[in-house]
N, C-alpha and C. Protein backbone atom coordinates (compact mmCIF):
# COMPACT_ATOMS: atom_id res chain seq x y z
N MET A 1 0.56 -0.97 -0.26
CA MET A 1 0.05 -0.28 -0.08
C MET A 1 0.94 1.11 -0.13
N ASP A 2 0.56 2.16 -0.87
CA ASP A 2 1.93 3.38 -1.44
C ASP A 2 1.25 4.27 -0.23
N GLU A 3 2.15 5.74 0.04
CA GLU A 3 1.89 6.25 1.09
C GLU A 3 0.64 7.48 1.25
N ALA A 4 0.31 7.43 -0.60
CA ALA A 4 -0.66 8.44 -0.55
C ALA A 4 -1.97 7.93 -0.03
N ARG A 5 -2.11 6.28 0.03
CA ARG A 5 -3.47 5.50 -0.02
C ARG A 5 -3.41 5.14 1.82
N THR A 6 -2.30 5.30 2.39
CA THR A 6 -2.46 5.07 3.92
C THR A 6 -2.93 6.17 4.56
N ARG A 7 -2.74 7.43 3.84
CA ARG A 7 -2.68 8.80 4.38
C ARG A 7 -4.64 9.29 4.15
N VAL A 8 -4.91 8.49 3.68
CA VAL A 8 -6.27 9.44 2.84
C VAL A 8 -7.36 8.74 4.40
N ARG A 9 -7.98 9.13 4.84
CA ARG A 9 -9.23 8.62 5.83
C ARG A 9 -10.74 8.50 5.27
N LEU A 10 -10.84 7.68 5.97
CA LEU A 10 -12.57 7.52 5.45
C LEU A 10 -13.58 8.86 5.18
N ASP A 11 -13.28 9.54 6.08
CA ASP A 11 -14.06 10.76 5.99
C ASP A 11 -13.63 11.68 5.13
N GLN A 12 -12.70 11.37 4.42
CA GLN A 12 -12.38 11.98 2.95
C GLN A 12 -12.69 11.36 1.94
N LEU A 13 -13.77 10.25 2.25
CA LEU A 13 -14.01 9.73 0.93
C LEU A 13 -15.33 10.72 0.30
N VAL A 14 -16.08 10.71 -0.63
CA VAL A 14 -17.04 11.63 -1.48
C VAL A 14 -18.13 10.28 -1.66
N LEU A 15 -19.26 10.19 -1.31
CA LEU A 15 -20.52 9.25 -1.89
C LEU A 15 -21.11 9.57 -2.76
N ARG A 16 -21.45 9.32 -3.81
CA ARG A 16 -22.05 10.40 -4.75
C ARG A 16 -22.91 9.11 -5.80
N GLU A 17 -23.42 9.58 -6.87
CA GLU A 17 -24.66 8.69 -7.65
C GLU A 17 -23.56 8.74 -8.87
N TYR A 18 -23.86 6.88 -9.87
CA TYR A 18 -22.93 7.09 -10.49
C TYR A 18 -23.02 7.71 -11.94
N ARG A 19 -22.12 7.98 -12.30
CA ARG A 19 -21.77 8.49 -13.76
C ARG A 19 -21.50 7.97 -14.76
N ALA A 20 -21.91 7.95 -16.00
CA ALA A 20 -21.52 6.88 -16.98
C ALA A 20 -19.89 6.68 -17.34
N ARG A 21 -19.08 7.98 -17.07
CA ARG A 21 -17.74 7.77 -16.91
C ARG A 21 -17.39 6.58 -15.78
N ASP A 22 -17.99 6.77 -15.01
CA ASP A 22 -17.63 5.64 -13.98
C ASP A 22 -17.60 4.38 -14.61
N LEU A 23 -17.84 4.02 -15.16
CA LEU A 23 -17.68 2.38 -16.45
C LEU A 23 -16.83 1.76 -15.85
N GLU A 24 -15.95 2.52 -16.84
CA GLU A 24 -14.59 1.78 -16.99
C GLU A 24 -13.88 1.55 -15.48
N ALA A 25 -14.04 2.19 -14.82
CA ALA A 25 -13.16 2.06 -13.16
C ALA A 25 -14.25 0.97 -12.35
N MET A 26 -15.15 1.22 -12.65
CA MET A 26 -16.11 0.41 -11.65
C MET A 26 -15.78 -1.60 -12.43
N TRP A 27 -16.12 -1.69 -13.59
CA TRP A 27 -15.46 -2.63 -14.20
C TRP A 27 -13.95 -3.39 -13.87
N ALA A 28 -13.29 -2.18 -13.84
CA ALA A 28 -11.63 -2.79 -13.60
C ALA A 28 -11.71 -2.98 -11.94
N LEU A 29 -12.68 -2.33 -11.06
CA LEU A 29 -12.53 -2.60 -9.73
C LEU A 29 -13.11 -4.14 -9.60
N ASP A 30 -14.10 -4.61 -10.39
CA ASP A 30 -14.64 -5.90 -10.12
C ASP A 30 -14.11 -6.94 -10.37
N LEU A 31 -12.99 -6.78 -11.36
CA LEU A 31 -12.11 -7.78 -11.73
C LEU A 31 -10.85 -8.10 -10.62
N VAL A 32 -10.59 -6.68 -9.66
CA VAL A 32 -9.87 -7.06 -8.45
C VAL A 32 -10.85 -7.81 -7.60
N CYS A 33 -11.89 -7.51 -7.47
CA CYS A 33 -12.64 -7.56 -6.36
C CYS A 33 -12.73 -8.87 -6.48
N PHE A 34 -13.48 -9.48 -7.21
CA PHE A 34 -14.06 -10.75 -7.63
C PHE A 34 -13.03 -11.89 -8.45
N ALA A 35 -13.39 -13.29 -8.37
CA ALA A 35 -12.86 -14.14 -9.45
C ALA A 35 -13.58 -14.25 -10.31
N GLU A 36 -12.37 -15.13 -11.26
CA GLU A 36 -13.79 -15.34 -12.67
C GLU A 36 -15.04 -15.61 -12.78
N PRO A 37 -15.41 -16.49 -11.98
CA PRO A 37 -17.05 -17.22 -12.00
C PRO A 37 -17.78 -15.99 -11.25
N PHE A 38 -17.24 -15.35 -10.51
CA PHE A 38 -18.18 -13.89 -9.90
C PHE A 38 -18.18 -12.32 -10.54
N ARG A 39 -17.26 -12.22 -11.54
CA ARG A 39 -17.25 -11.17 -12.33
C ARG A 39 -18.46 -10.72 -13.15
N PHE A 40 -18.58 -9.95 -13.30
CA PHE A 40 -19.42 -9.18 -14.67
C PHE A 40 -18.47 -8.58 -15.80
N SER A 41 -19.23 -8.65 -16.84
CA SER A 41 -18.21 -8.17 -17.84
C SER A 41 -18.98 -6.91 -17.94
N ARG A 42 -18.39 -5.96 -18.82
CA ARG A 42 -17.97 -4.63 -18.85
C ARG A 42 -19.78 -4.03 -18.78
N ARG A 43 -20.34 -5.04 -20.62
CA ARG A 43 -21.65 -4.82 -20.61
C ARG A 43 -22.81 -5.43 -19.88
N ALA A 44 -22.34 -6.17 -18.39
CA ALA A 44 -23.60 -6.36 -18.19
C ALA A 44 -23.52 -5.51 -16.56
N MET A 45 -22.32 -4.85 -16.26
CA MET A 45 -21.88 -3.76 -15.18
C MET A 45 -22.42 -2.72 -16.29
N ARG A 46 -22.56 -2.14 -16.97
CA ARG A 46 -22.99 -0.77 -17.65
C ARG A 46 -24.69 -1.18 -17.39
N GLY A 47 -25.04 -2.74 -17.60
CA GLY A 47 -26.80 -2.81 -17.77
C GLY A 47 -27.35 -2.40 -16.27
N PHE A 48 -26.19 -3.37 -15.70
CA PHE A 48 -27.31 -3.04 -14.12
C PHE A 48 -27.12 -1.77 -13.74
N ALA A 49 -25.83 -0.68 -13.89
CA ALA A 49 -25.83 0.24 -13.06
C ALA A 49 -26.81 1.60 -14.02
N GLU A 50 -27.07 1.20 -15.51
CA GLU A 50 -27.86 2.31 -15.87
C GLU A 50 -29.05 1.49 -15.99
N ALA A 51 -29.56 0.63 -15.41
CA ALA A 51 -31.34 0.05 -15.68
C ALA A 51 -31.84 1.28 -15.05
N LYS A 52 -33.21 0.97 -15.24
CA LYS A 52 -34.25 2.01 -14.72
C LYS A 52 -35.00 1.29 -13.30
N GLY A 53 -34.70 1.71 -12.07
CA GLY A 53 -35.04 1.78 -10.96
C GLY A 53 -33.56 1.14 -10.40
N ALA A 54 -32.17 1.86 -10.82
CA ALA A 54 -30.88 1.05 -9.99
C ALA A 54 -30.68 2.22 -9.60
N ALA A 55 -30.24 1.84 -8.13
CA ALA A 55 -29.45 2.75 -7.24
C ALA A 55 -27.90 2.05 -7.61
N VAL A 56 -26.76 3.43 -7.74
CA VAL A 56 -25.74 3.11 -7.98
C VAL A 56 -25.01 4.06 -7.00
N VAL A 57 -24.18 3.82 -5.77
CA VAL A 57 -23.54 4.79 -4.97
C VAL A 57 -21.65 4.37 -5.23
N VAL A 58 -21.13 5.57 -5.75
CA VAL A 58 -20.11 5.12 -6.28
C VAL A 58 -18.88 6.03 -4.66
N ALA A 59 -17.71 5.59 -4.64
CA ALA A 59 -17.21 6.08 -3.28
C ALA A 59 -15.76 6.61 -3.85
N GLU A 60 -15.50 7.51 -3.75
CA GLU A 60 -14.23 7.95 -4.06
C GLU A 60 -13.14 9.01 -3.67
N VAL A 61 -11.99 9.13 -3.81
CA VAL A 61 -11.27 10.15 -2.68
C VAL A 61 -11.87 11.85 -3.09
N GLY A 62 -11.71 12.17 -2.67
CA GLY A 62 -11.69 14.11 -2.34
C GLY A 62 -11.11 14.13 -3.77
N ALA A 63 -11.55 15.59 -4.05
CA ALA A 63 -10.63 15.95 -5.49
C ALA A 63 -9.26 15.82 -4.87
N GLY A 64 -8.57 15.84 -5.89
CA GLY A 64 -7.05 16.23 -5.74
C GLY A 64 -5.99 15.06 -5.00
N ALA A 65 -6.69 14.30 -4.94
CA ALA A 65 -6.27 13.13 -4.02
C ALA A 65 -5.71 12.02 -5.02
N GLY A 66 -5.87 11.93 -6.44
CA GLY A 66 -5.71 11.38 -7.38
C GLY A 66 -6.11 10.00 -7.64
N LEU A 67 -6.67 9.60 -6.14
CA LEU A 67 -7.02 7.99 -5.69
C LEU A 67 -7.87 7.57 -6.77
N GLY A 68 -9.40 8.44 -6.90
CA GLY A 68 -9.97 7.84 -8.21
C GLY A 68 -11.16 6.94 -7.25
N LEU A 69 -11.63 6.25 -7.91
CA LEU A 69 -12.80 5.62 -7.37
C LEU A 69 -12.26 4.35 -6.64
N VAL A 70 -13.16 4.22 -5.40
CA VAL A 70 -12.28 2.83 -4.53
C VAL A 70 -13.51 1.83 -3.92
N GLY A 71 -14.90 2.50 -4.45
CA GLY A 71 -15.70 1.50 -3.64
C GLY A 71 -16.63 1.71 -4.79
N PHE A 72 -18.11 1.03 -4.63
CA PHE A 72 -19.07 1.26 -5.25
C PHE A 72 -20.15 -0.16 -4.78
N ALA A 73 -21.50 0.14 -4.97
CA ALA A 73 -22.78 -0.78 -4.75
C ALA A 73 -23.46 -0.24 -5.91
N VAL A 74 -23.87 -1.50 -6.23
CA VAL A 74 -25.33 -1.14 -7.05
C VAL A 74 -26.57 -1.98 -6.66
N ALA A 75 -27.72 -1.97 -6.42
CA ALA A 75 -29.11 -2.46 -6.29
C ALA A 75 -29.99 -2.07 -6.85
N GLN A 76 -30.86 -2.81 -7.19
CA GLN A 76 -32.04 -2.56 -8.62
C GLN A 76 -33.13 -3.20 -7.34
N ARG A 77 -34.65 -2.11 -8.07
CA ARG A 77 -35.71 -2.46 -7.31
C ARG A 77 -36.50 -2.76 -8.47
N GLU A 78 -37.55 -4.27 -7.93
CA GLU A 78 -38.87 -4.36 -8.12
C GLU A 78 -40.02 -4.55 -7.46
N GLY A 79 -40.87 -3.46 -7.51
CA GLY A 79 -41.86 -3.28 -6.71
C GLY A 79 -41.26 -3.14 -5.08
N GLU A 80 -41.95 -3.85 -4.09
CA GLU A 80 -40.95 -3.59 -2.58
C GLU A 80 -39.43 -4.79 -2.26
N ILE A 81 -39.11 -4.82 -3.54
CA ILE A 81 -37.91 -5.50 -3.11
C ILE A 81 -36.90 -4.89 -3.80
N GLY A 82 -35.86 -4.43 -3.30
CA GLY A 82 -34.46 -4.00 -3.65
C GLY A 82 -33.68 -5.29 -3.85
N TYR A 83 -32.94 -5.77 -4.39
CA TYR A 83 -31.79 -6.65 -4.71
C TYR A 83 -30.27 -6.08 -5.23
N VAL A 84 -29.23 -6.55 -4.25
CA VAL A 84 -27.75 -6.03 -4.31
C VAL A 84 -27.26 -6.43 -5.16
N VAL A 85 -26.91 -6.29 -6.16
CA VAL A 85 -26.43 -6.71 -7.31
C VAL A 85 -25.11 -6.98 -7.38
N THR A 86 -24.24 -6.10 -6.63
CA THR A 86 -22.90 -6.19 -6.26
C THR A 86 -22.34 -4.95 -5.46
N LEU A 87 -21.23 -5.30 -4.28
CA LEU A 87 -20.89 -4.17 -3.48
C LEU A 87 -19.00 -4.48 -3.77
N ASP A 88 -18.52 -3.60 -4.46
CA ASP A 88 -16.62 -3.54 -4.34
C ASP A 88 -16.27 -2.85 -3.57
N VAL A 89 -15.34 -3.41 -2.99
CA VAL A 89 -14.71 -2.41 -2.13
C VAL A 89 -13.01 -2.45 -2.54
N ALA A 90 -12.49 -1.56 -3.36
CA ALA A 90 -10.65 -1.90 -3.33
C ALA A 90 -10.39 -2.51 -2.22
N PRO A 91 -8.95 -3.52 -2.29
CA PRO A 91 -8.21 -4.09 -1.46
C PRO A 91 -8.06 -2.77 -0.35
N GLN A 92 -7.12 -2.09 -0.55
CA GLN A 92 -6.51 -0.96 0.35
C GLN A 92 -7.91 -0.64 1.21
N TRP A 93 -8.78 -0.59 1.09
CA TRP A 93 -9.90 0.50 1.78
C TRP A 93 -10.79 -0.74 2.46
N ARG A 94 -10.77 -1.81 2.40
CA ARG A 94 -11.72 -3.30 3.17
C ARG A 94 -11.00 -2.90 4.55
N ARG A 95 -12.16 -3.13 5.47
CA ARG A 95 -12.29 -3.21 7.41
C ARG A 95 -11.62 -1.69 7.51
N ARG A 96 -12.05 -0.76 6.76
CA ARG A 96 -12.42 0.27 7.55
C ARG A 96 -13.99 1.07 7.12
N GLY A 97 -14.82 0.33 7.01
CA GLY A 97 -16.29 0.77 7.41
C GLY A 97 -16.47 1.44 5.65
N LEU A 98 -16.12 1.61 4.84
CA LEU A 98 -16.33 1.64 3.48
C LEU A 98 -17.75 1.20 3.14
N ALA A 99 -17.74 -0.41 3.37
CA ALA A 99 -18.33 -1.26 2.84
C ALA A 99 -19.75 -0.92 3.27
N ARG A 100 -19.60 -0.48 4.60
CA ARG A 100 -20.68 -0.55 5.76
C ARG A 100 -21.58 0.71 5.14
N ARG A 101 -20.86 1.81 4.86
CA ARG A 101 -21.08 3.20 4.50
C ARG A 101 -22.26 2.95 3.57
N LEU A 102 -21.47 1.86 2.11
CA LEU A 102 -21.96 2.10 1.15
C LEU A 102 -23.36 1.27 1.13
N MET A 103 -23.40 0.09 1.74
CA MET A 103 -24.98 -0.86 1.72
C MET A 103 -25.58 0.55 2.44
N ALA A 104 -25.41 1.13 3.50
CA ALA A 104 -26.24 2.29 4.35
C ALA A 104 -27.03 3.20 3.57
N GLU A 105 -26.09 3.68 2.57
CA GLU A 105 -26.37 4.71 1.61
C GLU A 105 -27.12 4.14 0.30
N VAL A 106 -26.99 2.75 -0.18
CA VAL A 106 -28.07 1.95 -1.01
C VAL A 106 -29.06 1.63 -0.36
N GLU A 107 -29.11 1.43 0.50
CA GLU A 107 -30.72 0.64 1.37
C GLU A 107 -31.38 1.95 1.32
N ALA A 108 -30.82 3.38 1.52
CA ALA A 108 -31.60 4.16 2.06
C ALA A 108 -32.53 4.81 0.69
N LYS A 109 -31.35 4.69 -0.23
CA LYS A 109 -31.73 4.67 -1.65
C LYS A 109 -33.03 3.96 -2.33
N MET A 110 -33.10 2.57 -1.87
CA MET A 110 -33.72 1.77 -2.36
C MET A 110 -35.09 1.58 -1.51
N ARG A 111 -35.09 2.23 0.13
CA ARG A 111 -36.15 2.66 0.60
C ARG A 111 -36.40 3.89 0.23
N ALA A 112 -36.09 4.72 -0.08
CA ALA A 112 -36.93 5.70 -0.85
C ALA A 112 -37.53 5.74 -1.78
N ALA A 113 -36.92 4.78 -2.84
CA ALA A 113 -38.09 4.48 -3.89
C ALA A 113 -38.93 3.68 -3.79
N GLY A 114 -39.07 3.41 -2.64
CA GLY A 114 -40.75 2.22 -1.97
C GLY A 114 -40.17 0.77 -2.02
N ALA A 115 -38.81 0.53 -1.91
CA ALA A 115 -38.37 -0.83 -0.84
C ALA A 115 -38.69 -1.18 -0.27
N ARG A 116 -39.36 -2.59 0.42
CA ARG A 116 -39.70 -2.53 1.70
C ARG A 116 -38.59 -3.67 2.27
N LYS A 117 -37.90 -4.41 1.54
CA LYS A 117 -36.85 -5.37 1.82
C LYS A 117 -35.79 -5.68 0.72
N MET A 118 -34.62 -6.01 1.39
CA MET A 118 -33.68 -5.86 0.33
C MET A 118 -33.24 -7.61 0.54
N GLU A 119 -32.82 -7.91 -0.67
CA GLU A 119 -32.13 -9.39 -1.21
C GLU A 119 -31.07 -9.36 -1.48
N LEU A 120 -30.25 -10.53 -1.61
CA LEU A 120 -28.71 -10.49 -2.08
C LEU A 120 -28.60 -12.04 -2.22
N HIS A 121 -27.48 -12.33 -3.14
CA HIS A 121 -26.69 -13.70 -3.10
C HIS A 121 -25.52 -13.45 -2.51
N VAL A 122 -24.69 -14.55 -1.88
CA VAL A 122 -23.40 -14.52 -1.66
C VAL A 122 -22.77 -15.84 -1.71
N SER A 123 -21.92 -16.12 -2.51
CA SER A 123 -21.08 -17.34 -2.49
C SER A 123 -21.17 -18.15 -1.07
N VAL A 124 -21.50 -19.88 -1.21
CA VAL A 124 -21.68 -20.29 0.17
C VAL A 124 -20.20 -20.18 0.68
N GLU A 125 -19.29 -20.40 -0.23
CA GLU A 125 -17.55 -20.11 0.60
C GLU A 125 -17.19 -18.75 0.84
N ASN A 126 -18.19 -17.65 0.55
CA ASN A 126 -17.72 -16.69 0.72
C ASN A 126 -17.60 -16.66 2.78
N GLU A 127 -16.75 -16.86 3.24
CA GLU A 127 -17.45 -16.57 4.78
C GLU A 127 -17.72 -15.29 5.54
N GLY A 128 -16.78 -14.28 4.62
CA GLY A 128 -16.35 -13.16 5.47
C GLY A 128 -17.57 -12.52 4.47
N ALA A 129 -17.80 -12.57 3.59
CA ALA A 129 -19.20 -11.62 3.04
C ALA A 129 -20.63 -12.06 3.76
N VAL A 130 -20.57 -13.11 4.15
CA VAL A 130 -21.60 -13.96 5.04
C VAL A 130 -21.83 -13.31 6.30
N ARG A 131 -20.61 -13.57 6.93
CA ARG A 131 -20.13 -12.67 8.42
C ARG A 131 -20.48 -10.74 8.02
N PHE A 132 -19.86 -10.42 7.13
CA PHE A 132 -20.71 -9.18 6.64
C PHE A 132 -22.13 -8.38 6.71
N TYR A 133 -22.45 -9.57 6.22
CA TYR A 133 -24.11 -8.85 5.70
C TYR A 133 -24.81 -9.66 6.72
N GLU A 134 -24.37 -10.39 7.68
CA GLU A 134 -25.40 -10.74 8.70
C GLU A 134 -25.18 -10.12 9.67
N GLY A 135 -23.83 -9.35 9.80
CA GLY A 135 -23.89 -8.05 10.83
C GLY A 135 -24.72 -6.94 10.25
N LEU A 136 -24.82 -6.83 9.16
CA LEU A 136 -25.96 -5.62 8.75
C LEU A 136 -27.23 -5.87 8.84
N GLY A 137 -27.57 -7.13 9.30
CA GLY A 137 -29.07 -7.54 9.97
C GLY A 137 -29.72 -8.18 8.83
N TYR A 138 -28.77 -9.43 7.60
CA TYR A 138 -29.34 -9.48 6.57
C TYR A 138 -29.47 -11.11 7.38
N GLU A 139 -30.64 -11.87 6.68
CA GLU A 139 -30.74 -13.42 7.69
C GLU A 139 -30.96 -14.09 6.20
N ARG A 140 -30.18 -15.61 6.20
CA ARG A 140 -30.18 -16.56 5.64
C ARG A 140 -31.58 -16.93 5.15
N ALA A 141 -32.35 -16.72 3.88
CA ALA A 141 -33.57 -17.12 3.53
C ALA A 141 -33.77 -18.57 2.76
N GLY A 142 -32.10 -18.79 2.12
CA GLY A 142 -31.93 -20.39 1.47
C GLY A 142 -31.04 -20.30 0.91
N ARG A 143 -31.11 -21.15 -0.28
CA ARG A 143 -29.87 -21.72 -0.89
C ARG A 143 -30.21 -22.12 -2.32
N ALA A 144 -29.66 -21.42 -2.87
CA ALA A 144 -29.54 -20.97 -4.77
C ALA A 144 -29.05 -22.29 -5.18
N LYS A 145 -28.79 -23.00 -5.25
CA LYS A 145 -28.31 -24.23 -6.37
C LYS A 145 -27.81 -24.01 -7.39
N GLY A 146 -26.38 -23.36 -7.86
CA GLY A 146 -25.89 -23.56 -9.22
C GLY A 146 -26.39 -22.00 -9.54
N PHE A 147 -26.34 -20.97 -8.73
CA PHE A 147 -26.52 -19.65 -8.87
C PHE A 147 -25.41 -19.15 -9.44
N TYR A 148 -24.02 -19.54 -8.86
CA TYR A 148 -23.15 -18.78 -9.94
C TYR A 148 -22.31 -20.07 -11.06
N GLY A 149 -22.91 -20.70 -10.96
CA GLY A 149 -22.93 -21.78 -12.08
C GLY A 149 -22.59 -23.19 -11.90
N ARG A 150 -22.40 -23.88 -12.19
CA ARG A 150 -22.37 -25.18 -12.26
C ARG A 150 -21.57 -25.53 -10.61
N GLY A 151 -22.31 -26.28 -9.56
CA GLY A 151 -21.59 -26.48 -8.75
C GLY A 151 -20.87 -25.19 -7.52
N MET A 152 -21.64 -24.65 -7.94
CA MET A 152 -21.28 -23.03 -7.11
C MET A 152 -22.92 -22.51 -6.80
N ASP A 153 -22.70 -22.90 -5.62
CA ASP A 153 -23.97 -22.11 -4.92
C ASP A 153 -24.09 -21.15 -4.14
N GLY A 154 -25.16 -20.16 -4.35
CA GLY A 154 -25.44 -18.72 -3.53
C GLY A 154 -26.00 -19.48 -2.53
N LEU A 155 -26.36 -18.43 -1.30
CA LEU A 155 -26.73 -18.41 -0.45
C LEU A 155 -27.93 -17.07 -0.56
N VAL A 156 -28.79 -17.07 0.00
CA VAL A 156 -30.12 -16.31 -0.76
C VAL A 156 -30.40 -15.43 1.13
N TYR A 157 -29.83 -14.02 1.19
CA TYR A 157 -30.51 -13.08 2.13
C TYR A 157 -31.02 -12.12 1.96
N ARG A 158 -31.92 -11.98 2.94
CA ARG A 158 -33.15 -10.94 2.93
C ARG A 158 -32.97 -10.21 4.43
N LYS A 159 -33.72 -8.83 4.10
CA LYS A 159 -33.62 -7.97 5.37
C LYS A 159 -35.01 -6.81 5.20
N VAL A 160 -35.42 -6.67 6.11
CA VAL A 160 -36.43 -5.78 6.06
C VAL A 160 -35.97 -4.75 6.25
N LEU A 161 -36.22 -3.71 5.48
CA LEU A 161 -35.71 -1.78 5.87
C LEU A 161 -36.79 -1.77 7.06
N GLU A 162 -35.77 -1.02 7.89
CA GLU A 162 -36.87 -0.33 8.72
C GLU A 162 -37.59 1.58 7.86
N ASN A 163 -38.67 1.54 8.13
CA ASN A 163 -39.15 2.84 7.90
C ASN A 163 -38.69 3.70 8.38
N SER A 164 -38.42 4.84 7.51
CA SER A 164 -37.90 5.76 7.83
C SER A 164 -38.84 6.98 7.82
N ARG A 165 -40.03 6.98 7.10
CA ARG A 165 -40.68 8.15 6.82
C ARG A 165 -41.68 8.77 8.08
């Protein structure tokens, strides 16, 4: 980890909405964050980020730091259900609270759009993600056989969103 990255604090990050010019950086970060069977293509990433009803929260280091996009979350809503498509955080920003902030923001956007529940899938082998989502109040609701491909099951997680209105 270089010196500039270690000096930037979480409170120096800006959370903002997606812009079309973010696509390349998001796709590149997804390649870093996930192994081959769990990555999205550039086309799929654009489709998710730019879909009607999508909520995308991008985390970037404030102006002048030169570090750019360091995380993002993508969710989509269908009726009263929000679905977390992906949550990506650059390795040097993990375990600093960024993923928690991104999830809180994307859940708030989904709630404001009318979602009453959130859902997501996580690989049965991703114990860190399981602990993270359970720590955010998500409850295991089932198992999706072959969700990530042949022999790669996913766990289904759900959370009821608190009414903030």
